[in-house]
C-alpha atoms as a PDB file:
ATOM      1  CA  MET A   1      10.282 -42.818  -2.849  1.00  0.00           C
ATOM      2  CA  LYS A   2       9.966 -40.521   0.130  1.00  0.00           C
ATOM      3  CA  SER A   3      12.802 -38.295  -1.124  1.00  0.00           C
ATOM      4  CA  ASN A   4      10.848 -37.598  -4.324  1.00  0.00           C
ATOM      5  CA  PHE A   5       8.061 -36.059  -2.253  1.00  0.00           C
ATOM      6  CA  LEU A   6      10.416 -34.112   0.030  1.00  0.00           C
ATOM      7  CA  LEU A   7      12.422 -32.474  -2.737  1.00  0.00           C
ATOM      8  CA  PRO A   8       9.655 -30.067  -3.923  1.00  0.00           C
ATOM      9  CA  ALA A   9       8.888 -29.116  -0.317  1.00  0.00           C
ATOM     10  CA  VAL A  10      12.550 -28.295   0.350  1.00  0.00           C
ATOM     11  CA  ILE A  11      12.782 -26.225  -2.827  1.00  0.00           C
ATOM     12  CA  LEU A  12       9.647 -24.277  -1.930  1.00  0.00           C
ATOM     13  CA  SER A  13      10.810 -23.566   1.609  1.00  0.00           C
ATOM     14  CA  VAL A  14      14.217 -22.318   0.430  1.00  0.00           C
ATOM     15  CA  ALA A  15      12.567 -20.136  -2.227  1.00  0.00           C
ATOM     16  CA  SER A  16      10.141 -18.631   0.271  1.00  0.00           C
ATOM     17  CA  LEU A  17      12.968 -17.844   2.714  1.00  0.00           C
ATOM     18  CA  ALA A  18      14.938 -16.149  -0.047  1.00  0.00           C
ATOM     19  CA  ALA A  19      11.904 -14.075  -1.047  1.00  0.00           C
ATOM     20  CA  THR A  20      11.280 -12.813   2.490  1.00  0.00           C
ATOM     21  CA  ALA A  21      14.885 -12.156   3.457  1.00  0.00           C
ATOM     22  CA  PRO A  22      15.515  -8.534   4.507  1.00  0.00           C
ATOM     23  CA  THR A  23      17.207  -6.399   1.882  1.00  0.00           C
ATOM     24  CA  THR A  24      18.065  -2.728   1.603  1.00  0.00           C
ATOM     25  CA  ALA A  25      16.990  -2.504  -2.032  1.00  0.00           C
ATOM     26  CA  PHE A  26      13.706  -0.701  -1.234  1.00  0.00           C
ATOM     27  CA  ALA A  27      14.946   1.346   1.709  1.00  0.00           C
ATOM     28  CA  LYS A  28      15.176   5.097   1.248  1.00  0.00           C
ATOM     29  CA  SER A  29      17.967   5.599   3.733  1.00  0.00           C
ATOM     30  CA  PRO A  30      21.170   3.554   3.709  1.00  0.00           C
ATOM     31  CA  SER A  31      20.540   2.709   7.345  1.00  0.00           C
ATOM     32  CA  CYS A  32      16.983   1.344   6.665  1.00  0.00           C
ATOM     33  CA  ALA A  33      16.082  -2.234   5.950  1.00  0.00           C
ATOM     34  CA  ALA A  34      13.043  -3.398   3.971  1.00  0.00           C
ATOM     35  CA  PHE A  35      11.434  -5.037   6.990  1.00  0.00           C
ATOM     36  CA  GLN A  36      11.445  -1.815   9.037  1.00  0.00           C
ATOM     37  CA  SER A  37       8.357   0.337   9.312  1.00  0.00           C
ATOM     38  CA  GLN A  38       7.829   3.550   7.391  1.00  0.00           C
ATOM     39  CA  GLN A  39       8.109   5.618  10.584  1.00  0.00           C
ATOM     40  CA  THR A  40      11.487   4.109  11.387  1.00  0.00           C
ATOM     41  CA  CYS A  41      12.707   4.886   7.867  1.00  0.00           C
ATOM     42  CA  ASP A  42      11.426   8.458   8.204  1.00  0.00           C
ATOM     43  CA  ARG A  43      13.362   8.816  11.457  1.00  0.00           C
ATOM     44  CA  HIS A  44      16.485   7.542   9.745  1.00  0.00           C
ATOM     45  CA  ASP A  45      15.944   9.987   6.866  1.00  0.00           C
ATOM     46  CA  ARG A  46      15.676  12.893   9.291  1.00  0.00           C
ATOM     47  CA  ALA A  47      18.831  11.771  11.083  1.00  0.00           C
ATOM     48  CA  ASP A  48      20.682  11.504   7.777  1.00  0.00           C
ATOM     49  CA  ARG A  49      19.576  15.023   6.841  1.00  0.00           C
ATOM     50  CA  ARG A  50      20.734  16.392  10.183  1.00  0.00           C
ATOM     51  CA  ASP A  51      24.100  14.748   9.713  1.00  0.00           C
ATOM     52  CA  ALA A  52      24.345  16.179   6.201  1.00  0.00           C
ATOM     53  CA  ALA A  53      23.394  19.632   7.481  1.00  0.00           C
ATOM     54  CA  LYS A  54      26.184  19.479  10.027  1.00  0.00           C
ATOM     55  CA  LYS A  55      28.724  18.536   7.357  1.00  0.00           C
ATOM     56  CA  SER A  56      27.986  21.267   4.760  1.00  0.00           C
ATOM     57  CA  PRO A  57      25.449  24.086   4.230  1.00  0.00           C
ATOM     58  CA  ALA A  58      24.839  23.121   0.589  1.00  0.00           C
ATOM     59  CA  ARG A  59      23.917  19.616   1.628  1.00  0.00           C
ATOM     60  CA  ALA A  60      21.682  21.055   4.342  1.00  0.00           C
ATOM     61  CA  ASP A  61      19.817  23.112   1.751  1.00  0.00           C
ATOM     62  CA  ALA A  62      19.458  20.050  -0.464  1.00  0.00           C
ATOM     63  CA  ALA A  63      18.220  17.991   2.485  1.00  0.00           C
ATOM     64  CA  LYS A  64      15.693  20.710   3.397  1.00  0.00           C
ATOM     65  CA  ALA A  65      14.521  20.913  -0.207  1.00  0.00           C
ATOM     66  CA  GLU A  66      14.149  17.141  -0.312  1.00  0.00           C
ATOM     67  CA  ALA A  67      12.211  17.157   2.965  1.00  0.00           C
ATOM     68  CA  ALA A  68       9.968  19.956   1.693  1.00  0.00           C
ATOM     69  CA  GLU A  69       9.338  18.018  -1.506  1.00  0.00           C
ATOM     70  CA  LYS A  70       8.434  14.873   0.450  1.00  0.00           C
ATOM     71  CA  THR A  71       5.996  16.750   2.673  1.00  0.00           C
ATOM     72  CA  LYS A  72       4.520  18.424  -0.397  1.00  0.00           C
ATOM     73  CA  GLU A  73       4.029  15.003  -2.013  1.00  0.00           C
ATOM     74  CA  LYS A  74       2.393  13.668   1.157  1.00  0.00           C
ATOM     75  CA  VAL A  75       0.027  16.652   1.308  1.00  0.00           C
ATOM     76  CA  GLU A  76      -0.798  16.276  -2.396  1.00  0.00           C
ATOM     77  CA  ASP A  77      -1.466  12.566  -1.899  1.00  0.00           C
ATOM     78  CA  LYS A  78      -3.777  13.287   1.030  1.00  0.00           C
ATOM     79  CA  THR A  79      -5.660  16.028  -0.830  1.00  0.00           C
ATOM     80  CA  SER A  80      -5.976  13.901  -3.961  1.00  0.00           C
ATOM     81  CA  ASP A  81      -7.317  11.041  -1.828  1.00  0.00           C
ATOM     82  CA  LYS A  82      -9.835  13.403  -0.244  1.00  0.00           C
ATOM     83  CA  THR A  83     -10.943  14.804  -3.590  1.00  0.00           C
ATOM     84  CA  GLU A  84     -11.252  11.290  -5.015  1.00  0.00           C
ATOM     85  CA  ASP A  85     -13.369  10.317  -2.025  1.00  0.00           C
ATOM     86  CA  LYS A  86     -15.542  13.393  -2.539  1.00  0.00           C
ATOM     87  CA  VAL A  87     -15.920  12.662  -6.244  1.00  0.00           C
ATOM     88  CA  GLU A  88     -16.869   9.051  -5.471  1.00  0.00           C
ATOM     89  CA  GLU A  89     -19.308  10.237  -2.815  1.00  0.00           C
ATOM     90  CA  LYS A  90     -20.875  12.686  -5.264  1.00  0.00           C
ATOM     91  CA  ALA A  91     -21.028   9.961  -7.886  1.00  0.00           C
ATOM     92  CA  THR A  92     -22.798   7.613  -5.486  1.00  0.00           C
ATOM     93  CA  LYS A  93     -25.122  10.420  -4.433  1.00  0.00           C
ATOM     94  CA  SER A  94     -25.917  11.197  -8.047  1.00  0.00           C
ATOM     95  CA  ASP A  95     -26.473   7.484  -8.711  1.00  0.00           C
ATOM     96  CA  LYS A  96     -28.851   7.354  -5.766  1.00  0.00           C
ATOM     97  CA  ALA A  97     -30.564  10.516  -6.972  1.00  0.00           C
ATOM     98  CA  ASN A  98     -30.914   9.054 -10.469  1.00  0.00           C
ATOM     99  CA  LYS A  99     -32.381   5.853  -9.068  1.00  0.00           C
ATOM    100  CA  LEU A 100     -34.825   7.822  -6.935  1.00  0.00           C
ATOM    101  CA  GLU A 101     -35.785   9.990  -9.915  1.00  0.00           C
ATOM    102  CA  LYS A 102     -36.425   6.869 -11.992  1.00  0.00           C
ATOM    103  CA  LYS A 103     -38.559   5.392  -9.218  1.00  0.00           C
ATOM    104  CA  ALA A 104     -40.480   8.668  -8.898  1.00  0.00           C
ATOM    105  CA  ALA A 105     -41.087   8.816 -12.655  1.00  0.00           C
ATOM    106  CA  LYS A 106     -42.249   5.205 -12.642  1.00  0.00           C
ATOM    107  CA  ALA A 107     -44.580   5.870  -9.706  1.00  0.00           C
ATOM    108  CA  LYS A 108     -45.935   8.964 -11.457  1.00  0.00           C
ATOM    109  CA  LYS A 109     -46.646   6.985 -14.637  1.00  0.00           C
ATOM    110  CA  ASN A 110     -48.306   4.262 -12.575  1.00  0.00           C
ATOM    111  CA  ALA A 111     -50.456   6.850 -10.783  1.00  0.00           C
ATOM    112  CA  GLU A 112     -51.475   8.407 -14.111  1.00  0.00           C
ATOM    113  CA  ARG A 113     -52.344   4.975 -15.489  1.00  0.00           C
ATOM    114  CA  LEU A 114     -54.440   4.154 -12.431  1.00  0.00           C
ATOM    115  CA  GLU A 115     -56.105   7.570 -12.613  1.00  0.00           C
ATOM    116  CA  LYS A 116     -57.091   6.939 -16.247  1.00  0.00           C
ATOM    117  CA  LYS A 117     -58.401   3.506 -15.294  1.00  0.00           C
ATOM    118  CA  ALA A 118     -60.457   5.010 -12.459  1.00  0.00           C
ATOM    119  CA  ALA A 119     -61.846   7.670 -14.820  1.00  0.00           C
ATOM    120  CA  LYS A 120     -62.893   4.958 -17.297  1.00  0.00           C
ATOM    121  CA  LYS A 121     -64.567   2.955 -14.534  1.00  0.00           C
ATOM    122  CA  ALA A 122     -66.364   6.082 -13.286  1.00  0.00           C
ATOM    123  CA  ALA A 123     -67.569   6.840 -16.832  1.00  0.00           C
ATOM    124  CA  ALA A 124     -68.768   3.247 -17.222  1.00  0.00           C
ATOM    125  CA  ALA A 125     -70.578   3.425 -13.883  1.00  0.00           C
ATOM    126  CA  GLU A 126     -72.174   6.711 -14.910  1.00  0.00           C
ATOM    127  CA  LYS A 127     -73.315   5.188 -18.215  1.00  0.00           C
ATOM    128  CA  ALA A 128     -74.678   2.178 -16.376  1.00  0.00           C
ATOM    129  CA  ALA A 129     -76.545   4.482 -14.004  1.00  0.00           C
ATOM    130  CA  GLU A 130     -77.950   6.434 -16.969  1.00  0.00           C
ATOM    131  CA  ASN A 131     -78.922   3.195 -18.680  1.00  0.00           C
ATOM    132  CA  ALA A 132     -80.534   1.950 -15.477  1.00  0.00           C
ATOM    133  CA  GLU A 133     -82.397   5.247 -15.183  1.00  0.00           C
ATOM    134  CA  LYS A 134     -83.562   4.983 -18.788  1.00  0.00           C
ATOM    135  CA  ALA A 135     -84.569   1.375 -18.225  1.00  0.00           C
ATOM    136  CA  ALA A 136     -86.487   2.393 -15.109  1.00  0.00           C
ATOM    137  CA  ASP A 137     -88.226   5.142 -17.112  1.00  0.00           C
ATOM    138  CA  ARG A 138     -89.035   2.637 -19.854  1.00  0.00           C
ATOM    139  CA  ALA A 139     -90.323   0.196 -17.251  1.00  0.00           C
ATOM    140  CA  GLU A 140     -92.519   2.917 -15.747  1.00  0.00           C
ATOM    141  CA  LYS A 141     -93.860   3.818 -19.192  1.00  0.00           C
ATOM    142  CA  ALA A 142     -94.464   0.158 -19.981  1.00  0.00           C
ATOM    143  CA  GLN A 143     -96.230  -0.259 -16.649  1.00  0.00           C
ATOM    144  CA  ALA A 144     -98.325   2.822 -17.386  1.00  0.00           C
ATOM    145  CA  LYS A 145     -99.197   1.402 -20.816  1.00  0.00           C
ATOM    146  CA  ALA A 146     -99.995  -1.951 -19.239  1.00  0.00           C
ATOM    147  CA  ASP A 147    -102.230  -0.200 -16.708  1.00  0.00           C
ATOM    148  CA  LYS A 148    -103.977   1.712 -19.505  1.00  0.00           C
ATOM    149  CA  LEU A 149    -104.405  -1.467 -21.492  1.00  0.00           C
ATOM    150  CA  SER A 150    -105.762  -3.308 -18.480  1.00  0.00           C
ATOM    151  CA  ASP A 151    -108.163  -0.384 -17.895  1.00  0.00           C
ATOM    152  CA  LYS A 152    -109.203  -0.573 -21.542  1.00  0.00           C
ATOM    153  CA  ALA A 153    -109.594  -4.332 -21.222  1.00  0.00           C
ATOM    154  CA  GLU A 154    -111.759  -3.861 -18.148  1.00  0.00           C
ATOM    155  CA  LYS A 155    -113.857  -1.264 -19.977  1.00  0.00           C
ATOM    156  CA  ALA A 156    -114.096  -3.540 -22.988  1.00  0.00           C
ATOM    157  CA  ALA A 157    -115.125  -6.399 -20.700  1.00  0.00           C
ATOM    158  CA  GLU A 158    -117.758  -4.139 -19.114  1.00  0.00           C
ATOM    159  CA  ARG A 159    -119.010  -3.099 -22.545  1.00  0.00           C
ATOM    160  CA  ALA A 160    -119.072  -6.697 -23.634  1.00  0.00           C
ATOM    161  CA  GLU A 161    -121.028  -7.538 -20.511  1.00  0.00           C
ATOM    162  CA  LYS A 162    -123.428  -4.676 -21.151  1.00  0.00           C
ATOM    163  CA  LEU A 163    -123.829  -5.746 -24.741  1.00  0.00           C
ATOM    164  CA  GLU A 164    -124.384  -9.284 -23.596  1.00  0.00           C
ATOM    165  CA  ASN A 165    -127.002  -8.082 -21.158  1.00  0.00           C
ATOM    166  CA  ARG A 166    -128.666  -6.059 -23.919  1.00  0.00           C
ATOM    167  CA  ALA A 167    -128.546  -9.029 -26.223  1.00  0.00           C
ATOM    168  CA  GLU A 168    -130.162 -11.176 -23.557  1.00  0.00           C
ATOM    169  CA  LYS A 169    -132.805  -8.551 -22.954  1.00  0.00           C
ATOM    170  CA  ALA A 170    -133.422  -8.252 -26.658  1.00  0.00           C
ATOM    171  CA  ALA A 171    -133.643 -12.012 -26.934  1.00  0.00           C
ATOM    172  CA  ASP A 172    -136.029 -12.090 -23.987  1.00  0.00           C
ATOM    173  CA  THR A 173    -138.216  -9.407 -25.462  1.00  0.00           C
ATOM    174  CA  SER A 174    -138.234 -11.067 -28.863  1.00  0.00           C
ATOM    175  CA  GLU A 175    -139.242 -14.332 -27.254  1.00  0.00           C
ATOM    176  CA  THR A 176    -141.981 -12.717 -25.321  1.00  0.00           C
ATOM    177  CA  GLU A 177    -143.233 -10.996 -28.413  1.00  0.00           C
ATOM    178  CA  SER A 178    -143.255 -14.056 -30.460  1.00  0.00           C
END
């Protein structure tokens, strides 16, 4: 039973060792191994070129051309990386600018809406003040009319009293005459 569980583990360990074993398949120079660093491989490449240059001038020219091409590729890679970074930076800046513009537009619309609301409230308050003024004027006029009517009522009461007095006097004189 235990061997059934160990068999997959053994297969996996052997497969992982085979996958990480050093090979020269990816090395640029015949003297480089896959597990070596890029700097070490570059050193080996330079040494191989020097050896080739010593052996024949045509090979030296080819080695120089190859080295020039590699440096050109490295420079192009670096410049393309920089331009990509700049493009991404500009894109993020433009995204930020767009977001800020949207926020500003939204704030502007909100301010306009609030301004309209405030204008409506001010107009309503002004109307209310006018109505209150008119009501106060009407109240004053009504009070003036009430005062006039009360004056008239007082005068009418005085006249009625005078007439009553006259009627009493007339009744007294008619009694005395009879």
